[in-house]
Amino acid sequence: MLAGANNQNLYREYYELIQSSEAKEAYNYLVGWAASLRSHDFFPGSHGVIKDFRFMRGADWDFAFIPNQKWLLFYFRKPCLNSEKFSKTRVLESFPNATENNAGELTIRVSTLEMAVRLAAYIDS
């Protein structure tokens, strides 16, 4: 569910950070898809200079993505990684190019609409 309407200008500001037309298509898809989720609130945020979008399930911050010039960096965060559905093993089986960061989160570079659709379908499954 879309939240943070009081920060509506951030949606455009974050979109304008992206230079790749394919990554912009992925952004538009993920924002629209996330706005329709019943399971999570979705809104823009920031962590210092890092601009991100957050998917909150109650107090749990399950997913996030950071817009970059050429891709969106999508995060599977620890709350969801503790579930069977989104275990590290399962995510890595579905997305072999995912990498683990120092915090133990999995990240995926989403640079195309096709990848955004695939990622959303995986989360919805």
C-alpha atoms as a PDB file:
ATOM      1  CA  MET A   1       0.000   0.000   0.000  1.00  0.00           C
ATOM      2  CA  LEU A   2       1.301   3.403  -0.926  1.00  0.00           C
ATOM      3  CA  ALA A   3       2.242   5.495   2.075  1.00  0.00           C
ATOM      4  CA  GLY A   4       4.142   8.709   2.531  1.00  0.00           C
ATOM      5  CA  ALA A   5       1.918  10.842   0.306  1.00  0.00           C
ATOM      6  CA  ASN A   6       3.138  13.824   2.293  1.00  0.00           C
ATOM      7  CA  ASN A   7       6.494  13.144   0.614  1.00  0.00           C
ATOM      8  CA  GLN A   8       5.046  12.953  -2.878  1.00  0.00           C
ATOM      9  CA  ASN A   9       7.812  15.095  -4.384  1.00  0.00           C
ATOM     10  CA  LEU A  10      10.355  12.429  -3.425  1.00  0.00           C
ATOM     11  CA  TYR A  11       8.846   9.999  -5.957  1.00  0.00           C
ATOM     12  CA  ARG A  12       9.743  12.406  -8.767  1.00  0.00           C
ATOM     13  CA  GLU A  13      13.071  13.414  -7.210  1.00  0.00           C
ATOM     14  CA  TYR A  14      14.189   9.791  -6.905  1.00  0.00           C
ATOM     15  CA  TYR A  15      12.964   9.025 -10.433  1.00  0.00           C
ATOM     16  CA  GLU A  16      15.104  11.852 -11.786  1.00  0.00           C
ATOM     17  CA  LEU A  17      18.229  10.271 -10.291  1.00  0.00           C
ATOM     18  CA  ILE A  18      17.902   7.455 -12.823  1.00  0.00           C
ATOM     19  CA  GLN A  19      19.498   8.064 -16.227  1.00  0.00           C
ATOM     20  CA  SER A  20      18.823   4.742 -17.941  1.00  0.00           C
ATOM     21  CA  SER A  21      15.457   4.564 -19.722  1.00  0.00           C
ATOM     22  CA  GLU A  22      15.243   0.828 -18.963  1.00  0.00           C
ATOM     23  CA  ALA A  23      15.865   1.427 -15.256  1.00  0.00           C
ATOM     24  CA  LYS A  24      13.189   4.153 -15.305  1.00  0.00           C
ATOM     25  CA  GLU A  25      10.714   1.601 -16.680  1.00  0.00           C
ATOM     26  CA  ALA A  26      11.700  -0.784 -13.878  1.00  0.00           C
ATOM     27  CA  TYR A  27      11.226   2.027 -11.335  1.00  0.00           C
ATOM     28  CA  ASN A  28       7.760   2.885 -12.656  1.00  0.00           C
ATOM     29  CA  TYR A  29       6.720  -0.755 -12.520  1.00  0.00           C
ATOM     30  CA  LEU A  30       8.036  -1.391  -9.003  1.00  0.00           C
ATOM     31  CA  VAL A  31       6.464   1.783  -7.594  1.00  0.00           C
ATOM     32  CA  GLY A  32       3.096   0.911  -9.153  1.00  0.00           C
ATOM     33  CA  TRP A  33       3.282  -2.712  -8.037  1.00  0.00           C
ATOM     34  CA  ALA A  34       4.361  -1.757  -4.510  1.00  0.00           C
ATOM     35  CA  ALA A  35       1.499   0.741  -4.226  1.00  0.00           C
ATOM     36  CA  SER A  36      -0.946  -2.137  -4.749  1.00  0.00           C
ATOM     37  CA  LEU A  37       0.486  -4.445  -2.074  1.00  0.00           C
ATOM     38  CA  ARG A  38      -1.811  -5.261   0.823  1.00  0.00           C
ATOM     39  CA  SER A  39       0.933  -6.907   2.845  1.00  0.00           C
ATOM     40  CA  HIS A  40       3.346  -3.961   2.989  1.00  0.00           C
ATOM     41  CA  ASP A  41       3.331  -0.204   3.293  1.00  0.00           C
ATOM     42  CA  PHE A  42       5.575   1.382   0.674  1.00  0.00           C
ATOM     43  CA  PHE A  43       7.138   4.819   0.874  1.00  0.00           C
ATOM     44  CA  PRO A  44      10.277   6.827   0.079  1.00  0.00           C
ATOM     45  CA  GLY A  45      12.845   7.366   2.785  1.00  0.00           C
ATOM     46  CA  SER A  46      16.470   8.238   3.226  1.00  0.00           C
ATOM     47  CA  HIS A  47      19.397   7.107   5.284  1.00  0.00           C
ATOM     48  CA  GLY A  48      21.901   9.937   5.288  1.00  0.00           C
ATOM     49  CA  VAL A  49      22.647  10.675   1.642  1.00  0.00           C
ATOM     50  CA  ILE A  50      21.143   7.365   0.481  1.00  0.00           C
ATOM     51  CA  LYS A  51      17.678   7.718  -0.995  1.00  0.00           C
ATOM     52  CA  ASP A  52      15.542   4.603  -0.829  1.00  0.00           C
ATOM     53  CA  PHE A  53      12.082   3.097  -0.945  1.00  0.00           C
ATOM     54  CA  ARG A  54      10.960   0.940   1.950  1.00  0.00           C
ATOM     55  CA  PHE A  55       8.542  -1.955   2.154  1.00  0.00           C
ATOM     56  CA  MET A  56       7.263  -2.238   5.723  1.00  0.00           C
ATOM     57  CA  ARG A  57       5.207  -5.118   7.099  1.00  0.00           C
ATOM     58  CA  GLY A  58       4.165  -3.703  10.429  1.00  0.00           C
ATOM     59  CA  ALA A  59       7.450  -2.912  12.175  1.00  0.00           C
ATOM     60  CA  ASP A  60       9.451  -5.209   9.862  1.00  0.00           C
ATOM     61  CA  TRP A  61      11.392  -3.590   7.028  1.00  0.00           C
ATOM     62  CA  ASP A  62      11.397  -6.550   4.617  1.00  0.00           C
ATOM     63  CA  PHE A  63      12.488  -5.027   1.322  1.00  0.00           C
ATOM     64  CA  ALA A  64      13.940  -1.833  -0.050  1.00  0.00           C
ATOM     65  CA  PHE A  65      15.397  -0.442  -3.215  1.00  0.00           C
ATOM     66  CA  ILE A  66      17.787   2.369  -3.945  1.00  0.00           C
ATOM     67  CA  PRO A  67      17.574   4.194  -7.297  1.00  0.00           C
ATOM     68  CA  ASN A  68      20.915   4.621  -9.058  1.00  0.00           C
ATOM     69  CA  GLN A  69      21.787   6.050 -12.460  1.00  0.00           C
ATOM     70  CA  LYS A  70      21.693   2.711 -14.300  1.00  0.00           C
ATOM     71  CA  TRP A  71      19.765   0.351 -12.024  1.00  0.00           C
ATOM     72  CA  LEU A  72      17.730  -0.070  -8.861  1.00  0.00           C
ATOM     73  CA  LEU A  73      19.475  -1.918  -6.069  1.00  0.00           C
ATOM     74  CA  PHE A  74      16.792  -4.129  -4.502  1.00  0.00           C
ATOM     75  CA  TYR A  75      17.297  -5.479  -0.979  1.00  0.00           C
ATOM     76  CA  PHE A  76      15.926  -8.566   0.703  1.00  0.00           C
ATOM     77  CA  ARG A  77      16.398  -7.510   4.328  1.00  0.00           C
ATOM     78  CA  LYS A  78      16.784  -9.668   7.412  1.00  0.00           C
ATOM     79  CA  PRO A  79      13.169  -9.769   8.594  1.00  0.00           C
ATOM     80  CA  CYS A  80      12.017 -11.482   5.400  1.00  0.00           C
ATOM     81  CA  LEU A  81      15.201 -13.564   5.050  1.00  0.00           C
ATOM     82  CA  ASN A  82      14.214 -15.308   8.279  1.00  0.00           C
ATOM     83  CA  SER A  83      11.116 -16.729   6.575  1.00  0.00           C
ATOM     84  CA  GLU A  84      11.131 -19.967   4.609  1.00  0.00           C
ATOM     85  CA  LYS A  85       9.675 -18.272   1.530  1.00  0.00           C
ATOM     86  CA  PHE A  86      12.501 -15.727   1.335  1.00  0.00           C
ATOM     87  CA  SER A  87      15.346 -17.724   2.814  1.00  0.00           C
ATOM     88  CA  LYS A  88      18.772 -16.892   1.401  1.00  0.00           C
ATOM     89  CA  THR A  89      18.879 -20.295  -0.268  1.00  0.00           C
ATOM     90  CA  ARG A  90      15.564 -19.764  -2.054  1.00  0.00           C
ATOM     91  CA  VAL A  91      16.349 -16.214  -3.130  1.00  0.00           C
ATOM     92  CA  LEU A  92      19.749 -17.278  -4.486  1.00  0.00           C
ATOM     93  CA  GLU A  93      18.164 -20.198  -6.354  1.00  0.00           C
ATOM     94  CA  SER A  94      15.757 -17.786  -8.049  1.00  0.00           C
ATOM     95  CA  PHE A  95      18.282 -14.961  -8.518  1.00  0.00           C
ATOM     96  CA  PRO A  96      21.792 -16.432  -8.881  1.00  0.00           C
ATOM     97  CA  ASN A  97      23.252 -12.962  -9.470  1.00  0.00           C
ATOM     98  CA  ALA A  98      22.122 -11.773  -6.031  1.00  0.00           C
ATOM     99  CA  THR A  99      24.931 -10.841  -3.681  1.00  0.00           C
ATOM    100  CA  GLU A 100      25.157 -10.755   0.083  1.00  0.00           C
ATOM    101  CA  ASN A 101      26.269  -7.517   1.703  1.00  0.00           C
ATOM    102  CA  ASN A 102      28.106  -7.042   5.014  1.00  0.00           C
ATOM    103  CA  ALA A 103      24.797  -6.791   6.884  1.00  0.00           C
ATOM    104  CA  GLY A 104      23.732 -10.239   5.657  1.00  0.00           C
ATOM    105  CA  GLU A 105      21.113  -8.829   3.276  1.00  0.00           C
ATOM    106  CA  LEU A 106      20.757  -9.980  -0.316  1.00  0.00           C
ATOM    107  CA  THR A 107      20.872  -7.390  -3.088  1.00  0.00           C
ATOM    108  CA  ILE A 108      19.821  -7.608  -6.721  1.00  0.00           C
ATOM    109  CA  ARG A 109      20.496  -5.088  -9.458  1.00  0.00           C
ATOM    110  CA  VAL A 110      17.265  -4.398 -11.308  1.00  0.00           C
ATOM    111  CA  SER A 111      18.069  -2.664 -14.578  1.00  0.00           C
ATOM    112  CA  THR A 112      15.171  -3.691 -16.825  1.00  0.00           C
ATOM    113  CA  LEU A 113      11.401  -3.900 -16.759  1.00  0.00           C
ATOM    114  CA  GLU A 114      11.645  -7.663 -17.279  1.00  0.00           C
ATOM    115  CA  MET A 115      13.748  -8.032 -14.148  1.00  0.00           C
ATOM    116  CA  ALA A 116      11.333  -5.859 -12.148  1.00  0.00           C
ATOM    117  CA  VAL A 117       8.380  -7.986 -13.281  1.00  0.00           C
ATOM    118  CA  ARG A 118      10.264 -11.188 -12.417  1.00  0.00           C
ATOM    119  CA  LEU A 119      11.182  -9.872  -8.969  1.00  0.00           C
ATOM    120  CA  ALA A 120       7.627  -8.748  -8.196  1.00  0.00           C
ATOM    121  CA  ALA A 121       6.232 -12.103  -9.372  1.00  0.00           C
ATOM    122  CA  TYR A 122       8.676 -13.918  -7.093  1.00  0.00           C
ATOM    123  CA  ILE A 123       7.621 -11.832  -4.080  1.00  0.00           C
ATOM    124  CA  ASP A 124       3.935 -12.270  -4.942  1.00  0.00           C
ATOM    125  CA  SER A 125       4.226 -16.066  -5.375  1.00  0.00           C
END
